[in-house]
Amino acid sequence: MTGRPSEVDAWTLTAVVTRLRRVLRASIRSEYPWESLPMAQVELLQRLADEPGLRLNDLAARHRLASNTVSTLVQQLVTAGLLARRPHPQDRRAVELRLTGDGARVLADWQASHERRFAEAMAGLPAADRRAIGAALPALSRLVDQLERTLAVEPPG
């Protein structure tokens, strides 16, 4: 943190978020040692669960990834039977992406595992910490929104 209590040190916040993501990824491997689904693929499955029918370019834009990177990840998910490509109803040249039944089940299992582990960890914290984390979520969400807006107006690197 900086010397001023009202400011947040970007490095500290980034380090905490990075550690949180790393431990969440590691925890899924401890429950499902066979699980080899990379986080990038999980994030695509989560997005398509929330927004079924996205086109590949839309998916790439939402994740701020190159289309060829998303294309490779999508092909891996299609090959694994977790995603399906379907003709877009209004544009025959385009395809939309949707979770398959297996994809929905894998994602649901993955999310349930994380929710269990998260709930166990939260239960081990003092009530004041649990309240503070809950109270911080809306502000953190607004921070992410602000960062996304900043990215949207910056010219590509």
N, C-alpha and C. Protein backbone atom coordinates (compact mmCIF):
# COMPACT_ATOMS: atom_id res chain seq x y z
N MET A 1 0.83 -1.19 0.00
CA MET A 1 0.00 0.00 0.00
C MET A 1 0.87 1.25 0.00
N THR A 2 0.31 2.31 -0.47
CA THR A 2 1.01 3.59 -0.44
C THR A 2 0.96 4.14 0.96
N GLY A 3 1.63 5.26 1.18
CA GLY A 3 1.63 5.89 2.49
C GLY A 3 0.29 6.51 2.83
N ARG A 4 -0.58 6.69 1.86
CA ARG A 4 -1.89 7.30 2.09
C ARG A 4 -2.95 6.21 2.19
N PRO A 5 -3.70 6.15 3.28
CA PRO A 5 -4.66 5.07 3.49
C PRO A 5 -5.80 5.05 2.48
N SER A 6 -6.09 6.16 1.80
CA SER A 6 -7.22 6.18 0.87
C SER A 6 -6.84 5.66 -0.51
N GLU A 7 -5.56 5.40 -0.75
CA GLU A 7 -5.14 4.93 -2.07
C GLU A 7 -4.77 3.46 -2.01
N VAL A 8 -4.97 2.80 -3.14
CA VAL A 8 -4.63 1.39 -3.25
C VAL A 8 -3.37 1.27 -4.10
N ASP A 9 -2.43 0.50 -3.62
CA ASP A 9 -1.21 0.24 -4.36
C ASP A 9 -1.52 -0.78 -5.45
N ALA A 10 -1.36 -0.39 -6.70
CA ALA A 10 -1.69 -1.26 -7.83
C ALA A 10 -0.89 -2.56 -7.79
N TRP A 11 0.36 -2.48 -7.39
CA TRP A 11 1.19 -3.68 -7.35
C TRP A 11 0.66 -4.68 -6.32
N THR A 12 0.28 -4.20 -5.16
CA THR A 12 -0.24 -5.07 -4.10
C THR A 12 -1.55 -5.71 -4.53
N LEU A 13 -2.45 -4.91 -5.10
CA LEU A 13 -3.73 -5.45 -5.57
C LEU A 13 -3.51 -6.50 -6.65
N THR A 14 -2.63 -6.19 -7.60
CA THR A 14 -2.34 -7.14 -8.68
C THR A 14 -1.74 -8.43 -8.11
N ALA A 15 -0.85 -8.30 -7.15
CA ALA A 15 -0.22 -9.48 -6.55
C ALA A 15 -1.26 -10.35 -5.84
N VAL A 16 -2.18 -9.73 -5.12
CA VAL A 16 -3.22 -10.50 -4.42
C VAL A 16 -4.13 -11.20 -5.42
N VAL A 17 -4.55 -10.49 -6.46
CA VAL A 17 -5.43 -11.09 -7.47
C VAL A 17 -4.70 -12.24 -8.18
N THR A 18 -3.43 -12.04 -8.50
CA THR A 18 -2.64 -13.09 -9.15
C THR A 18 -2.52 -14.32 -8.26
N ARG A 19 -2.22 -14.11 -6.99
CA ARG A 19 -2.13 -15.24 -6.05
C ARG A 19 -3.47 -15.96 -5.93
N LEU A 20 -4.57 -15.18 -5.88
CA LEU A 20 -5.89 -15.78 -5.78
C LEU A 20 -6.17 -16.66 -7.00
N ARG A 21 -5.89 -16.14 -8.19
CA ARG A 21 -6.12 -16.93 -9.41
C ARG A 21 -5.24 -18.19 -9.41
N ARG A 22 -3.99 -18.06 -8.99
CA ARG A 22 -3.08 -19.20 -8.99
C ARG A 22 -3.56 -20.28 -8.02
N VAL A 23 -3.97 -19.89 -6.82
CA VAL A 23 -4.41 -20.88 -5.84
C VAL A 23 -5.73 -21.52 -6.26
N LEU A 24 -6.60 -20.75 -6.91
CA LEU A 24 -7.85 -21.34 -7.42
C LEU A 24 -7.55 -22.39 -8.50
N ARG A 25 -6.62 -22.06 -9.40
CA ARG A 25 -6.24 -23.03 -10.44
C ARG A 25 -5.64 -24.28 -9.81
N ALA A 26 -4.77 -24.08 -8.83
CA ALA A 26 -4.12 -25.22 -8.17
C ALA A 26 -5.14 -26.06 -7.41
N SER A 27 -6.14 -25.42 -6.82
CA SER A 27 -7.12 -26.17 -6.02
C SER A 27 -7.95 -27.09 -6.89
N ILE A 28 -8.26 -26.69 -8.09
CA ILE A 28 -9.05 -27.56 -8.97
C ILE A 28 -8.24 -28.80 -9.32
N ARG A 29 -6.92 -28.62 -9.46
CA ARG A 29 -6.06 -29.77 -9.80
C ARG A 29 -5.97 -30.75 -8.63
N SER A 30 -6.10 -30.24 -7.39
CA SER A 30 -6.03 -31.15 -6.25
C SER A 30 -7.30 -31.98 -6.14
N GLU A 31 -8.44 -31.43 -6.56
CA GLU A 31 -9.70 -32.17 -6.51
C GLU A 31 -9.86 -33.06 -7.74
N TYR A 32 -9.42 -32.55 -8.88
CA TYR A 32 -9.51 -33.27 -10.14
C TYR A 32 -8.12 -33.38 -10.75
N PRO A 33 -7.29 -34.31 -10.26
CA PRO A 33 -5.92 -34.39 -10.78
C PRO A 33 -5.88 -34.67 -12.28
N TRP A 34 -6.93 -35.26 -12.81
CA TRP A 34 -6.99 -35.55 -14.24
C TRP A 34 -7.32 -34.32 -15.06
N GLU A 35 -7.78 -33.28 -14.39
CA GLU A 35 -8.24 -32.08 -15.08
C GLU A 35 -7.07 -31.36 -15.73
N SER A 36 -7.15 -31.20 -17.03
CA SER A 36 -6.08 -30.50 -17.74
C SER A 36 -6.62 -29.31 -18.53
N LEU A 37 -7.82 -28.90 -18.23
CA LEU A 37 -8.44 -27.79 -18.94
C LEU A 37 -7.72 -26.49 -18.54
N PRO A 38 -7.03 -25.87 -19.49
CA PRO A 38 -6.34 -24.61 -19.17
C PRO A 38 -7.34 -23.52 -18.79
N MET A 39 -6.89 -22.59 -17.96
CA MET A 39 -7.75 -21.51 -17.49
C MET A 39 -8.33 -20.72 -18.66
N ALA A 40 -7.55 -20.52 -19.71
CA ALA A 40 -8.05 -19.77 -20.88
C ALA A 40 -9.26 -20.47 -21.48
N GLN A 41 -9.25 -21.79 -21.51
CA GLN A 41 -10.39 -22.53 -22.05
C GLN A 41 -11.58 -22.44 -21.10
N VAL A 42 -11.32 -22.52 -19.81
CA VAL A 42 -12.40 -22.39 -18.82
C VAL A 42 -13.06 -21.03 -18.98
N GLU A 43 -12.26 -19.98 -19.15
CA GLU A 43 -12.82 -18.63 -19.30
C GLU A 43 -13.69 -18.54 -20.55
N LEU A 44 -13.30 -19.20 -21.64
CA LEU A 44 -14.13 -19.20 -22.85
C LEU A 44 -15.44 -19.95 -22.59
N LEU A 45 -15.36 -21.08 -21.90
CA LEU A 45 -16.58 -21.82 -21.57
C LEU A 45 -17.50 -20.97 -20.69
N GLN A 46 -16.92 -20.29 -19.72
CA GLN A 46 -17.74 -19.44 -18.85
C GLN A 46 -18.42 -18.34 -19.65
N ARG A 47 -17.69 -17.71 -20.56
CA ARG A 47 -18.27 -16.65 -21.38
C ARG A 47 -19.40 -17.19 -22.25
N LEU A 48 -19.19 -18.36 -22.85
CA LEU A 48 -20.23 -18.93 -23.73
C LEU A 48 -21.42 -19.45 -22.94
N ALA A 49 -21.21 -19.81 -21.68
CA ALA A 49 -22.35 -20.17 -20.83
C ALA A 49 -23.19 -18.93 -20.56
N ASP A 50 -22.53 -17.78 -20.38
CA ASP A 50 -23.23 -16.52 -20.13
C ASP A 50 -23.79 -15.90 -21.41
N GLU A 51 -23.09 -16.10 -22.52
CA GLU A 51 -23.47 -15.49 -23.79
C GLU A 51 -23.44 -16.53 -24.91
N PRO A 52 -24.36 -17.49 -24.89
CA PRO A 52 -24.33 -18.53 -25.91
C PRO A 52 -24.53 -17.96 -27.30
N GLY A 53 -23.86 -18.57 -28.28
CA GLY A 53 -24.05 -18.16 -29.65
C GLY A 53 -23.09 -17.10 -30.15
N LEU A 54 -22.09 -16.73 -29.35
CA LEU A 54 -21.13 -15.73 -29.81
C LEU A 54 -20.36 -16.27 -31.02
N ARG A 55 -19.94 -15.36 -31.86
CA ARG A 55 -19.04 -15.70 -32.96
C ARG A 55 -17.61 -15.65 -32.43
N LEU A 56 -16.71 -16.29 -33.14
CA LEU A 56 -15.33 -16.36 -32.71
C LEU A 56 -14.73 -14.96 -32.53
N ASN A 57 -14.95 -14.05 -33.46
CA ASN A 57 -14.39 -12.71 -33.34
C ASN A 57 -14.96 -11.96 -32.14
N ASP A 58 -16.24 -12.17 -31.85
CA ASP A 58 -16.85 -11.54 -30.67
C ASP A 58 -16.21 -12.09 -29.39
N LEU A 59 -15.98 -13.39 -29.38
CA LEU A 59 -15.36 -14.02 -28.22
C LEU A 59 -13.94 -13.48 -28.03
N ALA A 60 -13.20 -13.36 -29.12
CA ALA A 60 -11.83 -12.82 -29.05
C ALA A 60 -11.85 -11.38 -28.53
N ALA A 61 -12.78 -10.59 -29.02
CA ALA A 61 -12.86 -9.19 -28.60
C ALA A 61 -13.19 -9.08 -27.12
N ARG A 62 -14.11 -9.89 -26.64
CA ARG A 62 -14.50 -9.82 -25.23
C ARG A 62 -13.35 -10.23 -24.30
N HIS A 63 -12.48 -11.11 -24.79
CA HIS A 63 -11.36 -11.56 -23.97
C HIS A 63 -10.07 -10.83 -24.29
N ARG A 64 -10.16 -9.89 -25.24
CA ARG A 64 -8.99 -9.11 -25.65
C ARG A 64 -7.83 -10.02 -26.04
N LEU A 65 -8.15 -11.00 -26.86
CA LEU A 65 -7.17 -11.94 -27.37
C LEU A 65 -7.20 -11.91 -28.90
N ALA A 66 -6.11 -12.31 -29.51
CA ALA A 66 -6.06 -12.39 -30.96
C ALA A 66 -7.02 -13.48 -31.45
N SER A 67 -7.63 -13.23 -32.58
CA SER A 67 -8.59 -14.20 -33.13
C SER A 67 -7.96 -15.56 -33.35
N ASN A 68 -6.70 -15.59 -33.81
CA ASN A 68 -6.06 -16.89 -34.05
C ASN A 68 -5.83 -17.65 -32.74
N THR A 69 -5.57 -16.93 -31.64
CA THR A 69 -5.41 -17.57 -30.33
C THR A 69 -6.74 -18.19 -29.90
N VAL A 70 -7.82 -17.43 -30.03
CA VAL A 70 -9.14 -17.93 -29.64
C VAL A 70 -9.55 -19.06 -30.57
N SER A 71 -9.23 -18.95 -31.84
CA SER A 71 -9.55 -20.02 -32.79
C SER A 71 -8.90 -21.34 -32.38
N THR A 72 -7.65 -21.27 -31.95
CA THR A 72 -6.94 -22.49 -31.49
C THR A 72 -7.61 -23.05 -30.24
N LEU A 73 -7.92 -22.18 -29.27
CA LEU A 73 -8.57 -22.64 -28.04
C LEU A 73 -9.94 -23.25 -28.34
N VAL A 74 -10.70 -22.60 -29.22
CA VAL A 74 -12.02 -23.10 -29.59
C VAL A 74 -11.90 -24.45 -30.28
N GLN A 75 -10.95 -24.58 -31.18
CA GLN A 75 -10.78 -25.87 -31.87
C GLN A 75 -10.46 -26.99 -30.87
N GLN A 76 -9.64 -26.70 -29.87
CA GLN A 76 -9.34 -27.69 -28.84
C GLN A 76 -10.60 -28.08 -28.07
N LEU A 77 -11.44 -27.09 -27.77
CA LEU A 77 -12.69 -27.36 -27.05
C LEU A 77 -13.68 -28.13 -27.91
N VAL A 78 -13.72 -27.83 -29.20
CA VAL A 78 -14.58 -28.58 -30.13
C VAL A 78 -14.10 -30.02 -30.22
N THR A 79 -12.80 -30.20 -30.38
CA THR A 79 -12.22 -31.55 -30.46
C THR A 79 -12.51 -32.35 -29.20
N ALA A 80 -12.48 -31.68 -28.06
CA ALA A 80 -12.75 -32.35 -26.77
C ALA A 80 -14.24 -32.60 -26.56
N GLY A 81 -15.08 -32.08 -27.46
CA GLY A 81 -16.52 -32.28 -27.34
C GLY A 81 -17.21 -31.34 -26.37
N LEU A 82 -16.53 -30.24 -26.01
CA LEU A 82 -17.09 -29.31 -25.03
C LEU A 82 -17.80 -28.12 -25.67
N LEU A 83 -17.46 -27.83 -26.91
CA LEU A 83 -18.10 -26.76 -27.67
C LEU A 83 -18.57 -27.30 -29.00
N ALA A 84 -19.60 -26.65 -29.54
CA ALA A 84 -20.10 -26.98 -30.88
C ALA A 84 -20.14 -25.70 -31.70
N ARG A 85 -19.81 -25.85 -32.96
CA ARG A 85 -19.97 -24.75 -33.92
C ARG A 85 -21.26 -25.01 -34.67
N ARG A 86 -22.07 -23.97 -34.77
CA ARG A 86 -23.34 -24.09 -35.49
C ARG A 86 -23.47 -22.93 -36.46
N PRO A 87 -24.12 -23.15 -37.60
CA PRO A 87 -24.32 -22.03 -38.53
C PRO A 87 -25.11 -20.91 -37.85
N HIS A 88 -24.70 -19.69 -38.10
CA HIS A 88 -25.40 -18.54 -37.53
C HIS A 88 -26.74 -18.41 -38.26
N PRO A 89 -27.84 -18.23 -37.53
CA PRO A 89 -29.16 -18.21 -38.18
C PRO A 89 -29.37 -17.06 -39.17
N GLN A 90 -28.70 -15.92 -38.96
CA GLN A 90 -28.88 -14.78 -39.86
C GLN A 90 -27.76 -14.62 -40.89
N ASP A 91 -26.66 -15.33 -40.71
CA ASP A 91 -25.51 -15.17 -41.60
C ASP A 91 -24.90 -16.53 -41.89
N ARG A 92 -25.19 -17.06 -43.06
CA ARG A 92 -24.73 -18.42 -43.39
C ARG A 92 -23.21 -18.55 -43.43
N ARG A 93 -22.52 -17.44 -43.62
CA ARG A 93 -21.05 -17.49 -43.67
C ARG A 93 -20.44 -17.60 -42.28
N ALA A 94 -21.19 -17.27 -41.26
CA ALA A 94 -20.66 -17.24 -39.90
C ALA A 94 -21.14 -18.44 -39.10
N VAL A 95 -20.39 -18.74 -38.05
CA VAL A 95 -20.80 -19.79 -37.11
C VAL A 95 -20.90 -19.19 -35.73
N GLU A 96 -21.78 -19.76 -34.95
CA GLU A 96 -21.88 -19.38 -33.55
C GLU A 96 -21.38 -20.53 -32.71
N LEU A 97 -20.94 -20.20 -31.51
CA LEU A 97 -20.36 -21.19 -30.61
C LEU A 97 -21.29 -21.42 -29.43
N ARG A 98 -21.47 -22.69 -29.12
CA ARG A 98 -22.33 -23.05 -27.99
C ARG A 98 -21.70 -24.21 -27.23
N LEU A 99 -21.95 -24.20 -25.91
CA LEU A 99 -21.51 -25.33 -25.10
C LEU A 99 -22.29 -26.58 -25.49
N THR A 100 -21.63 -27.71 -25.49
CA THR A 100 -22.33 -28.98 -25.64
C THR A 100 -22.82 -29.40 -24.26
N GLY A 101 -23.57 -30.48 -24.20
CA GLY A 101 -23.98 -31.02 -22.90
C GLY A 101 -22.77 -31.37 -22.05
N ASP A 102 -21.75 -31.99 -22.66
CA ASP A 102 -20.53 -32.31 -21.92
C ASP A 102 -19.83 -31.04 -21.46
N GLY A 103 -19.81 -30.02 -22.31
CA GLY A 103 -19.18 -28.75 -21.94
C GLY A 103 -19.88 -28.13 -20.75
N ALA A 104 -21.20 -28.15 -20.76
CA ALA A 104 -21.96 -27.58 -19.64
C ALA A 104 -21.70 -28.37 -18.36
N ARG A 105 -21.62 -29.70 -18.47
CA ARG A 105 -21.35 -30.53 -17.28
C ARG A 105 -19.94 -30.28 -16.73
N VAL A 106 -18.95 -30.23 -17.62
CA VAL A 106 -17.57 -29.99 -17.18
C VAL A 106 -17.48 -28.63 -16.49
N LEU A 107 -18.09 -27.62 -17.09
CA LEU A 107 -18.05 -26.28 -16.50
C LEU A 107 -18.78 -26.26 -15.16
N ALA A 108 -19.93 -26.91 -15.07
CA ALA A 108 -20.68 -26.95 -13.81
C ALA A 108 -19.86 -27.64 -12.72
N ASP A 109 -19.21 -28.76 -13.05
CA ASP A 109 -18.36 -29.46 -12.08
C ASP A 109 -17.20 -28.56 -11.64
N TRP A 110 -16.60 -27.89 -12.61
CA TRP A 110 -15.47 -27.01 -12.32
C TRP A 110 -15.91 -25.88 -11.39
N GLN A 111 -17.05 -25.27 -11.70
CA GLN A 111 -17.55 -24.17 -10.87
C GLN A 111 -17.95 -24.65 -9.48
N ALA A 112 -18.58 -25.81 -9.40
CA ALA A 112 -18.99 -26.34 -8.10
C ALA A 112 -17.77 -26.62 -7.22
N SER A 113 -16.71 -27.14 -7.82
CA SER A 113 -15.49 -27.40 -7.06
C SER A 113 -14.91 -26.11 -6.50
N HIS A 114 -14.87 -25.08 -7.35
CA HIS A 114 -14.34 -23.80 -6.88
C HIS A 114 -15.23 -23.20 -5.81
N GLU A 115 -16.52 -23.30 -5.96
CA GLU A 115 -17.43 -22.75 -4.95
C GLU A 115 -17.25 -23.46 -3.61
N ARG A 116 -17.07 -24.79 -3.65
CA ARG A 116 -16.85 -25.54 -2.40
C ARG A 116 -15.56 -25.09 -1.72
N ARG A 117 -14.49 -25.03 -2.49
CA ARG A 117 -13.20 -24.64 -1.93
C ARG A 117 -13.24 -23.20 -1.41
N PHE A 118 -13.89 -22.34 -2.15
CA PHE A 118 -14.00 -20.95 -1.75
C PHE A 118 -14.81 -20.83 -0.46
N ALA A 119 -15.93 -21.54 -0.39
CA ALA A 119 -16.77 -21.50 0.81
C ALA A 119 -16.01 -22.02 2.02
N GLU A 120 -15.24 -23.09 1.84
CA GLU A 120 -14.44 -23.63 2.95
C GLU A 120 -13.42 -22.59 3.43
N ALA A 121 -12.76 -21.95 2.48
CA ALA A 121 -11.76 -20.95 2.85
C ALA A 121 -12.42 -19.76 3.54
N MET A 122 -13.54 -19.30 3.01
CA MET A 122 -14.23 -18.16 3.62
C MET A 122 -14.70 -18.51 5.03
N ALA A 123 -15.16 -19.74 5.24
CA ALA A 123 -15.62 -20.16 6.56
C ALA A 123 -14.50 -20.12 7.59
N GLY A 124 -13.26 -20.23 7.13
CA GLY A 124 -12.12 -20.19 8.04
C GLY A 124 -11.67 -18.79 8.40
N LEU A 125 -12.30 -17.79 7.80
CA LEU A 125 -11.95 -16.39 8.09
C LEU A 125 -12.86 -15.82 9.16
N PRO A 126 -12.38 -14.82 9.88
CA PRO A 126 -13.26 -14.14 10.82
C PRO A 126 -14.42 -13.46 10.09
N ALA A 127 -15.52 -13.31 10.78
CA ALA A 127 -16.72 -12.71 10.17
C ALA A 127 -16.42 -11.33 9.60
N ALA A 128 -15.59 -10.55 10.28
CA ALA A 128 -15.26 -9.21 9.78
C ALA A 128 -14.56 -9.28 8.43
N ASP A 129 -13.67 -10.26 8.25
CA ASP A 129 -13.00 -10.41 6.96
C ASP A 129 -14.00 -10.82 5.87
N ARG A 130 -14.91 -11.73 6.21
CA ARG A 130 -15.92 -12.15 5.23
C ARG A 130 -16.77 -10.96 4.80
N ARG A 131 -17.16 -10.14 5.77
CA ARG A 131 -17.96 -8.95 5.44
C ARG A 131 -17.16 -7.97 4.59
N ALA A 132 -15.90 -7.77 4.93
CA ALA A 132 -15.04 -6.84 4.18
C ALA A 132 -14.86 -7.31 2.74
N ILE A 133 -14.68 -8.60 2.54
CA ILE A 133 -14.54 -9.13 1.19
C ILE A 133 -15.84 -8.93 0.41
N GLY A 134 -16.94 -9.26 1.04
CA GLY A 134 -18.24 -9.06 0.38
C GLY A 134 -18.49 -7.60 0.04
N ALA A 135 -18.12 -6.72 0.96
CA ALA A 135 -18.33 -5.28 0.73
C ALA A 135 -17.43 -4.75 -0.37
N ALA A 136 -16.26 -5.36 -0.55
CA ALA A 136 -15.31 -4.89 -1.57
C ALA A 136 -15.69 -5.32 -2.99
N LEU A 137 -16.50 -6.35 -3.13
CA LEU A 137 -16.79 -6.88 -4.46
C LEU A 137 -17.41 -5.85 -5.42
N PRO A 138 -18.41 -5.07 -5.00
CA PRO A 138 -18.95 -4.09 -5.95
C PRO A 138 -17.89 -3.08 -6.42
N ALA A 139 -17.05 -2.62 -5.51
CA ALA A 139 -16.00 -1.66 -5.88
C ALA A 139 -14.99 -2.32 -6.82
N LEU A 140 -14.63 -3.55 -6.55
CA LEU A 140 -13.70 -4.25 -7.43
C LEU A 140 -14.31 -4.45 -8.82
N SER A 141 -15.59 -4.74 -8.86
CA SER A 141 -16.27 -4.89 -10.15
C SER A 141 -16.25 -3.57 -10.92
N ARG A 142 -16.50 -2.47 -10.22
CA ARG A 142 -16.44 -1.16 -10.88
C ARG A 142 -15.02 -0.84 -11.35
N LEU A 143 -14.01 -1.27 -10.59
CA LEU A 143 -12.62 -1.07 -11.00
C LEU A 143 -12.35 -1.81 -12.30
N VAL A 144 -12.81 -3.05 -12.39
CA VAL A 144 -12.65 -3.82 -13.62
C VAL A 144 -13.36 -3.13 -14.78
N ASP A 145 -14.58 -2.66 -14.54
CA ASP A 145 -15.31 -1.93 -15.59
C ASP A 145 -14.52 -0.71 -16.06
N GLN A 146 -13.95 0.02 -15.12
CA GLN A 146 -13.17 1.22 -15.47
C GLN A 146 -11.95 0.84 -16.29
N LEU A 147 -11.25 -0.20 -15.88
CA LEU A 147 -10.08 -0.65 -16.64
C LEU A 147 -10.48 -1.11 -18.04
N GLU A 148 -11.62 -1.79 -18.15
CA GLU A 148 -12.09 -2.23 -19.47
C GLU A 148 -12.43 -1.02 -20.35
N ARG A 149 -13.04 -0.01 -19.78
CA ARG A 149 -13.36 1.20 -20.57
C ARG A 149 -12.08 1.86 -21.05
N THR A 150 -11.05 1.89 -20.20
CA THR A 150 -9.78 2.46 -20.58
C THR A 150 -9.16 1.68 -21.74
N LEU A 151 -9.24 0.37 -21.69
CA LEU A 151 -8.73 -0.45 -22.78
C LEU A 151 -9.48 -0.19 -24.08
N ALA A 152 -10.78 0.03 -23.97
CA ALA A 152 -11.60 0.22 -25.16
C ALA A 152 -11.25 1.51 -25.90
N VAL A 153 -10.73 2.51 -25.20
CA VAL A 153 -10.43 3.78 -25.87
C VAL A 153 -8.96 3.90 -26.26
N GLU A 154 -8.11 3.04 -25.72
CA GLU A 154 -6.70 3.10 -26.09
C GLU A 154 -6.51 2.45 -27.45
N PRO A 155 -5.68 3.05 -28.31
CA PRO A 155 -5.40 2.42 -29.60
C PRO A 155 -4.62 1.13 -29.39
N PRO A 156 -4.83 0.12 -30.27
CA PRO A 156 -4.09 -1.14 -30.12
C PRO A 156 -2.59 -0.90 -30.15
N GLY A 157 -1.86 -1.70 -29.34
CA GLY A 157 -0.44 -1.57 -29.17
C GLY A 157 0.32 -1.76 -30.41
